[in-house]
Amino acid sequence: MSNDYQRQVIDFYALRHDYDNDFTQARALKLVNYLYLQKSQSVLDVATGTGFIAVAIAPKVKSVIGVDFTPEMIARAEKKLEALNIENIDLINADIAAIDFAESSFDLITCSLAIALFPDIPQVLAKWYQWLKKGGSVAFSCNNLESHFLPLISGVCRETYGFELPNLHTPIATPEKCHQLLENAGFTNISVNVEQLGRYLPLETAKNFWYGQYFHPQDNPLDLATRSPIGCRNCDSSEQLSPRNREKCHRSGGMARCNHLFYHC
């Protein structure tokens, strides 16, 4: 995972101060319904975030290792473990791609709604296959092509700004693609289930859904915009703001004008 792309993802999730809400938790925990859990199992939870999956399954398994590369997410997960007095979860703040667990280390590997963020999904699945014990399982959830207003956002970019915004979920957005990727990695007895997890948003919430940030591991047309000067009441107009500072500025009402996609009205 490139440093620029990794930093974009980390900055985005570091700013998700409202991440632990009922909707996000409900979406994450849907995956638990498909898990076959036993007290003897060692589990790896990839992109554990604030620990939704890890905390939910910990009482039902032997041990859980939760890995996430966003320090703020791991910090919140640690607070949960302390508050709940959970002792069989170990948290690691690291890029899972940089970790080499021994072969046959886990009975189960889970990843809730984050597999699309990996630049090389086939490589990720191949590593997971190696890390699983014989008879072990992998379980992940992902979004389809219509998720998170992406068709609407992509349409605005195409019609208004003249470029195509690639869909992050394309490589794994259909049951057929999921099945093929798993089969190519060596998995058998594959089951792909489809559930509707959407919700209706109030108009004002929908208007503020997107702040113009976007990340994609291979092709992000907004990369140039993220490095461009913007006009702002709270900042020097010629300053090149980092995504994190730009977001803070926007939330404080400082954005005055912008010729790029960071201006949302």
C-alpha atoms as a PDB file:
ATOM      1  CA  MET A   1       0.000   0.000   0.000  1.00  0.00           C
ATOM      2  CA  SER A   2       1.546   3.298  -1.087  1.00  0.00           C
ATOM      3  CA  ASN A   3       2.357   5.854   1.597  1.00  0.00           C
ATOM      4  CA  ASP A   4       0.141   8.545   0.008  1.00  0.00           C
ATOM      5  CA  TYR A   5      -2.865   6.265  -0.281  1.00  0.00           C
ATOM      6  CA  GLN A   6      -2.346   4.846   3.199  1.00  0.00           C
ATOM      7  CA  ARG A   7      -2.154   8.354   4.659  1.00  0.00           C
ATOM      8  CA  GLN A   8      -5.396   9.330   2.921  1.00  0.00           C
ATOM      9  CA  VAL A   9      -7.204   6.338   4.402  1.00  0.00           C
ATOM     10  CA  ILE A  10      -5.739   6.890   7.880  1.00  0.00           C
ATOM     11  CA  ASP A  11      -6.661  10.584   7.840  1.00  0.00           C
ATOM     12  CA  PHE A  12     -10.206   9.781   6.753  1.00  0.00           C
ATOM     13  CA  TYR A  13     -10.853   7.260   9.517  1.00  0.00           C
ATOM     14  CA  ALA A  14      -9.008   9.283  12.130  1.00  0.00           C
ATOM     15  CA  LEU A  15     -11.607  12.008  11.598  1.00  0.00           C
ATOM     16  CA  ARG A  16     -14.565   9.649  11.948  1.00  0.00           C
ATOM     17  CA  HIS A  17     -15.347  10.801  15.472  1.00  0.00           C
ATOM     18  CA  ASP A  18     -18.920   9.561  15.023  1.00  0.00           C
ATOM     19  CA  TYR A  19     -17.794   6.106  13.889  1.00  0.00           C
ATOM     20  CA  ASP A  20     -19.254   4.297  16.902  1.00  0.00           C
ATOM     21  CA  ASN A  21     -22.878   4.923  15.984  1.00  0.00           C
ATOM     22  CA  ASP A  22     -25.750   2.438  15.880  1.00  0.00           C
ATOM     23  CA  PHE A  23     -25.866   2.236  12.078  1.00  0.00           C
ATOM     24  CA  THR A  24     -22.141   1.573  11.601  1.00  0.00           C
ATOM     25  CA  GLN A  25     -22.188  -1.021  14.359  1.00  0.00           C
ATOM     26  CA  ALA A  26     -25.256  -2.754  12.937  1.00  0.00           C
ATOM     27  CA  ARG A  27     -23.643  -2.960   9.482  1.00  0.00           C
ATOM     28  CA  ALA A  28     -20.441  -4.396  10.913  1.00  0.00           C
ATOM     29  CA  LEU A  29     -22.148  -6.936  13.139  1.00  0.00           C
ATOM     30  CA  LYS A  30     -24.191  -8.408  10.283  1.00  0.00           C
ATOM     31  CA  LEU A  31     -21.068 -10.422   9.515  1.00  0.00           C
ATOM     32  CA  VAL A  32     -21.234 -12.147  12.911  1.00  0.00           C
ATOM     33  CA  ASN A  33     -24.487 -13.845  11.884  1.00  0.00           C
ATOM     34  CA  TYR A  34     -22.558 -15.896   9.314  1.00  0.00           C
ATOM     35  CA  LEU A  35     -19.737 -17.031  11.615  1.00  0.00           C
ATOM     36  CA  TYR A  36     -19.432 -20.519  13.049  1.00  0.00           C
ATOM     37  CA  LEU A  37     -17.771 -19.832  16.394  1.00  0.00           C
ATOM     38  CA  GLN A  38     -16.182 -22.242  18.852  1.00  0.00           C
ATOM     39  CA  LYS A  39     -14.368 -21.767  22.148  1.00  0.00           C
ATOM     40  CA  SER A  40     -11.198 -23.359  20.728  1.00  0.00           C
ATOM     41  CA  GLN A  41     -10.791 -20.872  17.864  1.00  0.00           C
ATOM     42  CA  SER A  42      -8.018 -18.356  17.314  1.00  0.00           C
ATOM     43  CA  VAL A  43      -9.345 -15.458  15.240  1.00  0.00           C
ATOM     44  CA  LEU A  44      -7.739 -12.649  13.227  1.00  0.00           C
ATOM     45  CA  ASP A  45      -9.925  -9.586  12.712  1.00  0.00           C
ATOM     46  CA  VAL A  46      -8.499  -7.522   9.837  1.00  0.00           C
ATOM     47  CA  ALA A  47      -9.207  -3.761   9.796  1.00  0.00           C
ATOM     48  CA  THR A  48     -10.719  -4.153  13.239  1.00  0.00           C
ATOM     49  CA  GLY A  49     -11.453  -0.424  13.575  1.00  0.00           C
ATOM     50  CA  THR A  50     -12.872   0.262  17.019  1.00  0.00           C
ATOM     51  CA  GLY A  51     -13.399  -3.447  17.582  1.00  0.00           C
ATOM     52  CA  PHE A  52     -17.026  -4.112  16.640  1.00  0.00           C
ATOM     53  CA  ILE A  53     -16.388  -7.675  15.440  1.00  0.00           C
ATOM     54  CA  ALA A  54     -13.584  -8.480  17.884  1.00  0.00           C
ATOM     55  CA  VAL A  55     -15.623  -7.448  20.923  1.00  0.00           C
ATOM     56  CA  ALA A  56     -18.736  -9.280  19.723  1.00  0.00           C
ATOM     57  CA  ILE A  57     -17.016 -12.626  19.174  1.00  0.00           C
ATOM     58  CA  ALA A  58     -14.452 -12.548  22.005  1.00  0.00           C
ATOM     59  CA  PRO A  59     -16.675 -14.333  24.582  1.00  0.00           C
ATOM     60  CA  LYS A  60     -17.304 -17.162  22.098  1.00  0.00           C
ATOM     61  CA  VAL A  61     -13.726 -17.930  20.989  1.00  0.00           C
ATOM     62  CA  LYS A  62     -10.323 -18.612  22.519  1.00  0.00           C
ATOM     63  CA  SER A  63      -8.530 -15.475  21.332  1.00  0.00           C
ATOM     64  CA  VAL A  64      -8.760 -12.596  18.870  1.00  0.00           C
ATOM     65  CA  ILE A  65      -6.049 -10.491  17.253  1.00  0.00           C
ATOM     66  CA  GLY A  66      -7.398  -7.220  15.889  1.00  0.00           C
ATOM     67  CA  VAL A  67      -5.237  -5.331  13.376  1.00  0.00           C
ATOM     68  CA  ASP A  68      -5.820  -1.789  12.109  1.00  0.00           C
ATOM     69  CA  PHE A  69      -3.422   0.831  10.759  1.00  0.00           C
ATOM     70  CA  THR A  70      -5.321   3.863  12.075  1.00  0.00           C
ATOM     71  CA  PRO A  71      -3.940   4.761  15.543  1.00  0.00           C
ATOM     72  CA  GLU A  72      -7.108   6.617  16.540  1.00  0.00           C
ATOM     73  CA  MET A  73      -9.238   3.555  15.814  1.00  0.00           C
ATOM     74  CA  ILE A  74      -6.979   1.270  17.837  1.00  0.00           C
ATOM     75  CA  ALA A  75      -7.014   3.773  20.722  1.00  0.00           C
ATOM     76  CA  ARG A  76     -10.813   3.701  20.828  1.00  0.00           C
ATOM     77  CA  ALA A  77     -10.814  -0.091  20.646  1.00  0.00           C
ATOM     78  CA  GLU A  78      -8.406  -0.244  23.595  1.00  0.00           C
ATOM     79  CA  LYS A  79     -10.769   1.902  25.665  1.00  0.00           C
ATOM     80  CA  LYS A  80     -13.599  -0.509  24.881  1.00  0.00           C
ATOM     81  CA  LEU A  81     -11.561  -3.504  26.007  1.00  0.00           C
ATOM     82  CA  GLU A  82     -10.648  -1.764  29.239  1.00  0.00           C
ATOM     83  CA  ALA A  83     -14.220  -0.696  29.936  1.00  0.00           C
ATOM     84  CA  LEU A  84     -15.584  -4.177  29.210  1.00  0.00           C
ATOM     85  CA  ASN A  85     -12.691  -5.971  30.934  1.00  0.00           C
ATOM     86  CA  ILE A  86     -12.011  -8.153  27.897  1.00  0.00           C
ATOM     87  CA  GLU A  87      -8.695  -9.975  28.168  1.00  0.00           C
ATOM     88  CA  ASN A  88      -8.574 -12.312  25.162  1.00  0.00           C
ATOM     89  CA  ILE A  89      -8.203  -9.623  22.474  1.00  0.00           C
ATOM     90  CA  ASP A  90      -4.788  -8.352  21.381  1.00  0.00           C
ATOM     91  CA  LEU A  91      -4.732  -5.190  19.279  1.00  0.00           C
ATOM     92  CA  ILE A  92      -2.007  -4.357  16.752  1.00  0.00           C
ATOM     93  CA  ASN A  93      -1.621  -0.918  15.149  1.00  0.00           C
ATOM     94  CA  ALA A  94      -0.063  -1.851  11.806  1.00  0.00           C
ATOM     95  CA  ASP A  95      -0.666  -2.304   8.104  1.00  0.00           C
ATOM     96  CA  ILE A  96      -1.804  -5.911   7.713  1.00  0.00           C
ATOM     97  CA  ALA A  97       0.153  -6.072   4.439  1.00  0.00           C
ATOM     98  CA  ALA A  98       3.373  -5.536   6.412  1.00  0.00           C
ATOM     99  CA  ILE A  99       2.691  -8.387   8.848  1.00  0.00           C
ATOM    100  CA  ASP A 100       3.724 -11.966   8.200  1.00  0.00           C
ATOM    101  CA  PHE A 101       1.928 -14.344  10.514  1.00  0.00           C
ATOM    102  CA  ALA A 102       3.078 -17.930  10.500  1.00  0.00           C
ATOM    103  CA  GLU A 103       1.211 -20.337   8.251  1.00  0.00           C
ATOM    104  CA  SER A 104      -1.743 -22.097   9.878  1.00  0.00           C
ATOM    105  CA  SER A 105      -2.040 -19.539  12.683  1.00  0.00           C
ATOM    106  CA  PHE A 106      -5.813 -18.967  12.723  1.00  0.00           C
ATOM    107  CA  ASP A 107      -9.072 -20.887  12.644  1.00  0.00           C
ATOM    108  CA  LEU A 108     -11.000 -17.880  11.374  1.00  0.00           C
ATOM    109  CA  ILE A 109     -10.168 -14.577   9.663  1.00  0.00           C
ATOM    110  CA  THR A 110     -12.766 -11.803   9.536  1.00  0.00           C
ATOM    111  CA  CYS A 111     -12.863  -8.446   7.770  1.00  0.00           C
ATOM    112  CA  SER A 112     -15.929  -6.244   7.981  1.00  0.00           C
ATOM    113  CA  LEU A 113     -16.529  -3.763   5.121  1.00  0.00           C
ATOM    114  CA  ALA A 114     -12.840  -2.995   4.534  1.00  0.00           C
ATOM    115  CA  ILE A 115     -11.535  -5.471   1.961  1.00  0.00           C
ATOM    116  CA  ALA A 116     -12.197  -3.026  -0.908  1.00  0.00           C
ATOM    117  CA  LEU A 117      -9.576  -0.687   0.586  1.00  0.00           C
ATOM    118  CA  PHE A 118      -6.737  -3.105  -0.177  1.00  0.00           C
ATOM    119  CA  PRO A 119      -4.849  -2.291  -3.398  1.00  0.00           C
ATOM    120  CA  ASP A 120      -4.293  -5.974  -4.226  1.00  0.00           C
ATOM    121  CA  ILE A 121      -7.253  -8.037  -3.057  1.00  0.00           C
ATOM    122  CA  PRO A 122      -6.083 -11.334  -4.643  1.00  0.00           C
ATOM    123  CA  GLN A 123      -2.766 -11.013  -2.788  1.00  0.00           C
ATOM    124  CA  VAL A 124      -4.588 -10.312   0.482  1.00  0.00           C
ATOM    125  CA  LEU A 125      -6.812 -13.369   0.089  1.00  0.00           C
ATOM    126  CA  ALA A 126      -3.795 -15.531  -0.762  1.00  0.00           C
ATOM    127  CA  LYS A 127      -2.079 -14.455   2.474  1.00  0.00           C
ATOM    128  CA  TRP A 128      -5.229 -15.132   4.480  1.00  0.00           C
ATOM    129  CA  TYR A 129      -5.429 -18.590   2.942  1.00  0.00           C
ATOM    130  CA  GLN A 130      -1.873 -19.309   4.112  1.00  0.00           C
ATOM    131  CA  TRP A 131      -2.560 -18.022   7.619  1.00  0.00           C
ATOM    132  CA  LEU A 132      -5.575 -20.285   8.099  1.00  0.00           C
ATOM    133  CA  LYS A 133      -5.338 -23.697   9.696  1.00  0.00           C
ATOM    134  CA  LYS A 134      -6.604 -26.669   7.718  1.00  0.00           C
ATOM    135  CA  GLY A 135     -10.383 -26.484   7.764  1.00  0.00           C
ATOM    136  CA  GLY A 136     -10.304 -22.790   8.739  1.00  0.00           C
ATOM    137  CA  SER A 137     -12.597 -20.130   7.341  1.00  0.00           C
ATOM    138  CA  VAL A 138     -12.474 -16.564   6.103  1.00  0.00           C
ATOM    139  CA  ALA A 139     -15.478 -14.258   6.325  1.00  0.00           C
ATOM    140  CA  PHE A 140     -15.715 -10.714   4.986  1.00  0.00           C
ATOM    141  CA  SER A 141     -18.395  -8.231   4.023  1.00  0.00           C
ATOM    142  CA  CYS A 142     -18.243  -5.629   1.268  1.00  0.00           C
ATOM    143  CA  ASN A 143     -20.374  -3.057  -0.504  1.00  0.00           C
ATOM    144  CA  ASN A 144     -21.872  -3.137  -3.978  1.00  0.00           C
ATOM    145  CA  LEU A 145     -21.447  -0.567  -6.746  1.00  0.00           C
ATOM    146  CA  GLU A 146     -24.408   1.511  -5.569  1.00  0.00           C
ATOM    147  CA  SER A 147     -23.127   2.077  -2.028  1.00  0.00           C
ATOM    148  CA  HIS A 148     -22.405   5.449  -0.432  1.00  0.00           C
ATOM    149  CA  PHE A 149     -23.910   7.633  -3.184  1.00  0.00           C
ATOM    150  CA  LEU A 150     -21.019   6.638  -5.453  1.00  0.00           C
ATOM    151  CA  PRO A 151     -23.070   6.556  -8.689  1.00  0.00           C
ATOM    152  CA  LEU A 152     -24.448  10.021  -7.919  1.00  0.00           C
ATOM    153  CA  ILE A 153     -21.045  11.444  -6.942  1.00  0.00           C
ATOM    154  CA  SER A 154     -19.417   9.877  -9.993  1.00  0.00           C
ATOM    155  CA  GLY A 155     -22.130  11.336 -12.217  1.00  0.00           C
ATOM    156  CA  VAL A 156     -21.571  14.842 -10.857  1.00  0.00           C
ATOM    157  CA  CYS A 157     -17.819  14.541 -11.434  1.00  0.00           C
ATOM    158  CA  ARG A 158     -18.388  13.307 -14.989  1.00  0.00           C
ATOM    159  CA  GLU A 159     -20.987  15.874 -16.019  1.00  0.00           C
ATOM    160  CA  THR A 160     -19.664  18.909 -14.144  1.00  0.00           C
ATOM    161  CA  TYR A 161     -15.909  18.401 -14.047  1.00  0.00           C
ATOM    162  CA  GLY A 162     -15.286  16.142 -17.032  1.00  0.00           C
ATOM    163  CA  PHE A 163     -13.593  13.143 -15.435  1.00  0.00           C
ATOM    164  CA  GLU A 164     -14.626   9.683 -14.331  1.00  0.00           C
ATOM    165  CA  LEU A 165     -14.364   8.861 -10.639  1.00  0.00           C
ATOM    166  CA  PRO A 166     -13.430   5.166 -10.276  1.00  0.00           C
ATOM    167  CA  ASN A 167     -15.611   3.070  -8.000  1.00  0.00           C
ATOM    168  CA  LEU A 168     -13.600   1.698  -5.076  1.00  0.00           C
ATOM    169  CA  HIS A 169     -15.891  -1.320  -4.794  1.00  0.00           C
ATOM    170  CA  THR A 170     -15.644  -2.509  -8.420  1.00  0.00           C
ATOM    171  CA  PRO A 171     -13.155  -5.399  -7.898  1.00  0.00           C
ATOM    172  CA  ILE A 172     -15.398  -7.142  -5.368  1.00  0.00           C
ATOM    173  CA  ALA A 173     -18.848  -5.615  -5.837  1.00  0.00           C
ATOM    174  CA  THR A 174     -20.837  -8.638  -7.054  1.00  0.00           C
ATOM    175  CA  PRO A 175     -21.389 -12.150  -5.678  1.00  0.00           C
ATOM    176  CA  GLU A 176     -19.749 -13.545  -8.814  1.00  0.00           C
ATOM    177  CA  LYS A 177     -16.592 -11.467  -8.304  1.00  0.00           C
ATOM    178  CA  CYS A 178     -16.386 -12.415  -4.621  1.00  0.00           C
ATOM    179  CA  HIS A 179     -16.769 -16.096  -5.477  1.00  0.00           C
ATOM    180  CA  GLN A 180     -14.137 -15.976  -8.209  1.00  0.00           C
ATOM    181  CA  LEU A 181     -11.588 -14.145  -6.054  1.00  0.00           C
ATOM    182  CA  LEU A 182     -12.005 -16.663  -3.234  1.00  0.00           C
ATOM    183  CA  GLU A 183     -11.804 -19.603  -5.614  1.00  0.00           C
ATOM    184  CA  ASN A 184      -8.648 -18.236  -7.231  1.00  0.00           C
ATOM    185  CA  ALA A 185      -7.053 -17.932  -3.766  1.00  0.00           C
ATOM    186  CA  GLY A 186      -7.692 -21.624  -3.127  1.00  0.00           C
ATOM    187  CA  PHE A 187     -10.832 -21.504  -0.983  1.00  0.00           C
ATOM    188  CA  THR A 188     -13.543 -24.132  -1.308  1.00  0.00           C
ATOM    189  CA  ASN A 189     -17.093 -24.511   0.038  1.00  0.00           C
ATOM    190  CA  ILE A 190     -17.685 -20.854  -0.801  1.00  0.00           C
ATOM    191  CA  SER A 191     -20.951 -19.191   0.196  1.00  0.00           C
ATOM    192  CA  VAL A 192     -21.845 -15.639  -0.832  1.00  0.00           C
ATOM    193  CA  ASN A 193     -24.880 -14.019   0.779  1.00  0.00           C
ATOM    194  CA  VAL A 194     -26.539 -10.743  -0.201  1.00  0.00           C
ATOM    195  CA  GLU A 195     -28.301  -8.451   2.264  1.00  0.00           C
ATOM    196  CA  GLN A 196     -29.809  -5.001   1.956  1.00  0.00           C
ATOM    197  CA  LEU A 197     -28.201  -2.819   4.630  1.00  0.00           C
ATOM    198  CA  GLY A 198     -29.261   0.561   3.302  1.00  0.00           C
ATOM    199  CA  ARG A 199     -31.237   3.277   5.010  1.00  0.00           C
ATOM    200  CA  TYR A 200     -33.037   6.472   4.158  1.00  0.00           C
ATOM    201  CA  LEU A 201     -31.271   9.730   4.984  1.00  0.00           C
ATOM    202  CA  PRO A 202     -32.910  13.058   5.821  1.00  0.00           C
ATOM    203  CA  LEU A 203     -32.347  15.577   3.029  1.00  0.00           C
ATOM    204  CA  GLU A 204     -30.045  17.803   5.103  1.00  0.00           C
ATOM    205  CA  THR A 205     -27.931  14.800   6.126  1.00  0.00           C
ATOM    206  CA  ALA A 206     -27.677  13.670   2.516  1.00  0.00           C
ATOM    207  CA  LYS A 207     -26.590  17.152   1.415  1.00  0.00           C
ATOM    208  CA  ASN A 208     -23.640  16.971   3.782  1.00  0.00           C
ATOM    209  CA  PHE A 209     -22.774  13.356   3.067  1.00  0.00           C
ATOM    210  CA  TRP A 210     -19.706  14.042   0.937  1.00  0.00           C
ATOM    211  CA  TYR A 211     -17.003  16.643   1.597  1.00  0.00           C
ATOM    212  CA  GLY A 212     -15.122  16.008  -1.636  1.00  0.00           C
ATOM    213  CA  GLN A 213     -12.540  13.612  -0.217  1.00  0.00           C
ATOM    214  CA  TYR A 214     -11.962  10.404  -2.117  1.00  0.00           C
ATOM    215  CA  PHE A 215      -9.313   7.731  -2.104  1.00  0.00           C
ATOM    216  CA  HIS A 216      -8.597   4.903  -4.482  1.00  0.00           C
ATOM    217  CA  PRO A 217      -5.560   2.605  -4.425  1.00  0.00           C
ATOM    218  CA  GLN A 218      -4.813   2.744  -8.145  1.00  0.00           C
ATOM    219  CA  ASP A 219      -6.408   5.745  -9.819  1.00  0.00           C
ATOM    220  CA  ASN A 220      -7.662   8.805  -7.977  1.00  0.00           C
ATOM    221  CA  PRO A 221      -8.445  11.817 -10.193  1.00  0.00           C
ATOM    222  CA  LEU A 222      -8.823  13.960  -7.075  1.00  0.00           C
ATOM    223  CA  ASP A 223      -5.176  13.541  -6.066  1.00  0.00           C
ATOM    224  CA  LEU A 224      -4.240  16.789  -7.819  1.00  0.00           C
ATOM    225  CA  ALA A 225      -7.067  18.614  -6.115  1.00  0.00           C
ATOM    226  CA  THR A 226      -5.934  17.441  -2.691  1.00  0.00           C
ATOM    227  CA  ARG A 227      -2.622  19.232  -3.254  1.00  0.00           C
ATOM    228  CA  SER A 228      -4.115  22.437  -4.677  1.00  0.00           C
ATOM    229  CA  PRO A 229      -4.445  25.753  -2.849  1.00  0.00           C
ATOM    230  CA  ILE A 230      -7.913  26.656  -1.620  1.00  0.00           C
ATOM    231  CA  GLY A 231      -9.457  29.873  -0.424  1.00  0.00           C
ATOM    232  CA  CYS A 232     -10.494  29.872   3.190  1.00  0.00           C
ATOM    233  CA  ARG A 233     -11.559  32.385   5.801  1.00  0.00           C
ATOM    234  CA  ASN A 234      -9.564  30.697   8.547  1.00  0.00           C
ATOM    235  CA  CYS A 235      -6.377  29.978   6.612  1.00  0.00           C
ATOM    236  CA  ASP A 236      -3.955  31.707   4.330  1.00  0.00           C
ATOM    237  CA  SER A 237      -5.521  31.424   0.869  1.00  0.00           C
ATOM    238  CA  SER A 238      -2.289  30.172  -0.653  1.00  0.00           C
ATOM    239  CA  GLU A 239      -1.712  27.462   1.964  1.00  0.00           C
ATOM    240  CA  GLN A 240      -1.798  23.880   0.759  1.00  0.00           C
ATOM    241  CA  LEU A 241      -3.824  22.185   3.461  1.00  0.00           C
ATOM    242  CA  SER A 242      -3.512  18.531   4.352  1.00  0.00           C
ATOM    243  CA  PRO A 243      -6.768  16.537   4.097  1.00  0.00           C
ATOM    244  CA  ARG A 244      -7.008  16.474   7.882  1.00  0.00           C
ATOM    245  CA  ASN A 245      -6.589  20.240   8.322  1.00  0.00           C
ATOM    246  CA  ARG A 246      -8.877  20.970   5.392  1.00  0.00           C
ATOM    247  CA  GLU A 247     -11.591  18.822   6.956  1.00  0.00           C
ATOM    248  CA  LYS A 248     -11.198  20.531  10.326  1.00  0.00           C
ATOM    249  CA  CYS A 249     -11.412  23.899   8.631  1.00  0.00           C
ATOM    250  CA  HIS A 250     -14.528  22.897   6.723  1.00  0.00           C
ATOM    251  CA  ARG A 251     -16.267  21.645   9.843  1.00  0.00           C
ATOM    252  CA  SER A 252     -15.524  24.906  11.630  1.00  0.00           C
ATOM    253  CA  GLY A 253     -17.256  26.844   8.856  1.00  0.00           C
ATOM    254  CA  GLY A 254     -14.040  28.299   7.484  1.00  0.00           C
ATOM    255  CA  MET A 255     -14.423  27.317   3.846  1.00  0.00           C
ATOM    256  CA  ALA A 256     -15.059  30.461   1.822  1.00  0.00           C
ATOM    257  CA  ARG A 257     -14.578  29.464  -1.781  1.00  0.00           C
ATOM    258  CA  CYS A 258     -12.932  26.695  -3.716  1.00  0.00           C
ATOM    259  CA  ASN A 259     -12.495  25.874  -7.370  1.00  0.00           C
ATOM    260  CA  HIS A 260     -12.079  22.182  -6.643  1.00  0.00           C
ATOM    261  CA  LEU A 261     -14.373  19.469  -5.349  1.00  0.00           C
ATOM    262  CA  PHE A 262     -13.713  20.180  -1.681  1.00  0.00           C
ATOM    263  CA  TYR A 263     -16.362  22.850  -1.649  1.00  0.00           C
ATOM    264  CA  HIS A 264     -19.671  21.240  -0.775  1.00  0.00           C
ATOM    265  CA  CYS A 265     -22.881  23.207  -0.667  1.00  0.00           C
END
